[in-house]
Amino acid sequence: MGHCIHAIIAPAATADSIATSWPELPRLNRDNGFSIFPIDASLIDARIAPDKTPTVTDDTFMLLTDAFRTLLKAMSRDGQLAYVETEYFGGVGGQGALVCRIGAEAMPPTWHESGTINEALEQIGMQRGSFIDRFAAAGFELLRDNDDIFDLIAAQSANNET
């Protein structure tokens, strides 16, 4: 079984700012005061000119180009956010994260087998539960890929319409 997620996570105030400046970006509001914005290459390309040169970080980020990093910094001008990627299959792989705060990188792109996302979520103020880590508090232990996030967004929209 695999785990492959590409997303921006932000506290409510920053998430509201992101949604205002990038309204076509899908948004999943969590009950812990944070929002998850699933990202894919087509969303990035629609927002910025395609950047075929990946950022040089000695890691395995799939979508984190220099132009996207610049956009993430700009989106954090009024707050903070974390950009996360996971790539696991059969228990092998890793996860990466970048934290931006007030228009600058507070945590540079970092990729490890585990723990990186927990560190990034801690930096943006997400609390862990008594028996769970921040990765689980964000809901990532139940989400396998961005399609799972899109399904929750659709369900959230349906609930808001009733």
Protein backbone atom coordinates (compact mmCIF):
# COMPACT_ATOMS: atom_id res chain seq x y z
CA MET A 1 0.00 0.00 0.00
CA GLY A 2 1.27 3.47 -0.84
CA HIS A 3 1.07 6.95 0.59
CA CYS A 4 1.49 9.88 -1.81
CA ILE A 5 0.34 13.34 -0.76
CA HIS A 6 1.29 16.82 -1.99
CA ALA A 7 -0.37 19.57 0.04
CA ILE A 8 -0.20 22.95 1.74
CA ILE A 9 -1.28 23.02 5.38
CA ALA A 10 -2.07 26.33 7.07
CA PRO A 11 -3.77 27.69 10.17
CA ALA A 12 -7.20 29.23 9.55
CA ALA A 13 -6.11 32.87 9.14
CA THR A 14 -3.40 32.01 6.60
CA ALA A 15 -5.72 29.50 4.92
CA ASP A 16 -8.33 32.24 4.44
CA SER A 17 -5.69 34.45 2.82
CA ILE A 18 -4.59 31.58 0.53
CA ALA A 19 -8.19 30.87 -0.46
CA THR A 20 -8.75 34.55 -1.28
CA SER A 21 -5.64 34.86 -3.43
CA TRP A 22 -5.97 31.39 -5.07
CA PRO A 23 -9.74 30.65 -5.09
CA GLU A 24 -9.50 27.70 -7.48
CA LEU A 25 -7.32 25.80 -4.99
CA PRO A 26 -9.37 23.04 -3.30
CA ARG A 27 -9.57 23.41 0.50
CA LEU A 28 -10.27 20.90 3.24
CA ASN A 29 -11.06 22.50 6.59
CA ARG A 30 -10.05 20.35 9.55
CA ASP A 31 -11.69 20.60 12.96
CA ASN A 32 -8.36 21.55 14.59
CA GLY A 33 -8.26 25.04 13.04
CA PHE A 34 -6.07 24.08 10.08
CA SER A 35 -6.82 23.62 6.40
CA ILE A 36 -5.27 21.30 3.83
CA PHE A 37 -4.93 22.37 0.19
CA PRO A 38 -4.09 19.39 -2.07
CA ILE A 39 -1.65 20.37 -4.83
CA ASP A 40 -0.75 18.82 -8.16
CA ALA A 41 1.37 19.89 -11.10
CA SER A 42 -1.62 21.17 -13.10
CA LEU A 43 -2.67 23.52 -10.28
CA ILE A 44 0.87 24.84 -9.97
CA ASP A 45 1.26 25.24 -13.74
CA ALA A 46 -2.07 27.08 -13.94
CA ARG A 47 -0.88 29.53 -11.28
CA ILE A 48 2.72 30.07 -12.41
CA ALA A 49 4.57 29.47 -15.64
CA PRO A 50 5.79 25.88 -15.70
CA ASP A 51 9.25 25.61 -14.19
CA LYS A 52 10.98 22.55 -15.61
CA THR A 53 14.04 22.99 -13.41
CA PRO A 54 13.56 21.35 -10.00
CA THR A 55 14.91 23.08 -6.95
CA VAL A 56 18.35 21.87 -5.87
CA THR A 57 17.88 20.38 -2.39
CA ASP A 58 19.47 16.91 -2.67
CA ASP A 59 16.11 15.32 -1.95
CA THR A 60 13.25 13.65 -3.73
CA PHE A 61 10.61 16.39 -3.86
CA MET A 62 8.44 15.94 -6.92
CA LEU A 63 6.68 19.32 -7.22
CA LEU A 64 8.87 21.76 -5.33
CA THR A 65 10.43 23.95 -8.02
CA ASP A 66 12.07 27.30 -7.41
CA ALA A 67 9.03 29.11 -8.81
CA PHE A 68 6.67 27.17 -6.51
CA ARG A 69 8.90 27.94 -3.52
CA THR A 70 8.65 31.64 -4.39
CA LEU A 71 4.86 31.34 -4.57
CA LEU A 72 4.73 29.56 -1.18
CA LYS A 73 6.78 32.33 0.41
CA ALA A 74 4.44 34.95 -1.08
CA MET A 75 1.37 33.09 0.22
CA SER A 76 2.84 33.17 3.75
CA ARG A 77 3.23 36.95 3.86
CA ASP A 78 0.31 37.25 6.30
CA GLY A 79 1.09 34.15 8.36
CA GLN A 80 2.62 30.72 8.03
CA LEU A 81 2.19 27.51 6.10
CA ALA A 82 3.81 24.16 5.52
CA TYR A 83 4.17 22.44 2.17
CA VAL A 84 4.40 18.64 2.51
CA GLU A 85 4.99 15.67 0.24
CA THR A 86 4.91 11.96 1.05
CA GLU A 87 6.09 9.14 -1.16
CA TYR A 88 5.84 5.67 0.42
CA PHE A 89 5.16 2.28 -1.09
CA GLY A 90 5.31 -0.92 0.90
CA GLY A 91 6.82 0.93 3.87
CA VAL A 92 9.73 2.27 1.81
CA GLY A 93 10.07 5.93 0.92
CA GLY A 94 10.07 9.24 2.66
CA GLN A 95 8.47 12.56 3.38
CA GLY A 96 9.44 16.14 2.89
CA ALA A 97 8.37 19.52 4.15
CA LEU A 98 9.06 23.23 3.83
CA VAL A 99 7.76 25.90 6.23
CA CYS A 100 7.21 29.51 5.20
CA ARG A 101 6.49 32.30 7.64
CA ILE A 102 5.88 35.99 6.92
CA GLY A 103 7.23 35.72 3.37
CA ALA A 104 10.41 33.75 4.16
CA GLU A 105 11.42 30.13 4.53
CA ALA A 106 11.45 29.23 8.23
CA MET A 107 12.35 25.58 7.53
CA PRO A 108 14.17 24.86 4.27
CA PRO A 109 13.07 21.92 2.14
CA THR A 110 13.87 18.82 4.18
CA TRP A 111 13.40 15.17 3.19
CA HIS A 112 13.76 12.14 5.50
CA GLU A 113 12.26 8.69 5.94
CA SER A 114 9.97 10.06 8.68
CA GLY A 115 9.45 12.88 11.15
CA THR A 116 9.85 15.80 8.76
CA ILE A 117 6.14 16.55 8.49
CA ASN A 118 5.69 16.37 12.26
CA GLU A 119 8.48 18.94 12.64
CA ALA A 120 6.90 21.24 10.03
CA LEU A 121 3.44 20.98 11.57
CA GLU A 122 4.87 21.76 15.00
CA GLN A 123 6.52 24.88 13.56
CA ILE A 124 3.18 26.19 12.25
CA GLY A 125 1.49 25.58 15.60
CA MET A 126 -0.46 22.35 15.10
CA GLN A 127 -1.00 20.57 18.39
CA ARG A 128 -0.63 16.83 18.72
CA GLY A 129 -3.20 14.76 20.56
CA SER A 130 -2.61 12.83 23.76
CA PHE A 131 -2.02 9.61 21.88
CA ILE A 132 -1.22 10.79 18.36
CA ASP A 133 1.48 12.76 16.61
CA ARG A 134 0.93 15.86 14.45
CA PHE A 135 0.93 13.76 11.24
CA ALA A 136 -2.13 11.94 12.63
CA ALA A 137 -3.65 15.17 14.02
CA ALA A 138 -3.62 16.55 10.46
CA GLY A 139 -5.48 13.41 9.35
CA PHE A 140 -2.67 12.05 7.18
CA GLU A 141 -2.73 8.59 8.77
CA LEU A 142 -6.19 8.06 7.23
CA LEU A 143 -5.40 9.72 3.89
CA ARG A 144 -3.41 7.70 1.36
CA ASP A 145 -3.28 10.23 -1.49
CA ASN A 146 -4.70 13.50 -2.76
CA ASP A 147 -7.77 11.69 -4.11
CA ASP A 148 -8.71 10.90 -0.49
CA ILE A 149 -8.42 14.61 0.31
CA PHE A 150 -10.59 15.51 -2.71
CA ASP A 151 -13.22 12.98 -1.49
CA LEU A 152 -13.30 14.67 1.93
CA ILE A 153 -13.58 18.11 0.28
CA ALA A 154 -16.58 16.87 -1.73
CA ALA A 155 -18.20 15.46 1.42
CA GLN A 156 -17.51 18.71 3.29
CA SER A 157 -19.10 20.71 0.46
CA ALA A 158 -22.14 18.43 0.46
CA ASN A 159 -22.53 18.84 4.23
CA ASN A 160 -22.27 22.64 3.91
CA GLU A 161 -25.05 22.65 1.30
CA THR A 162 -27.53 20.89 3.57
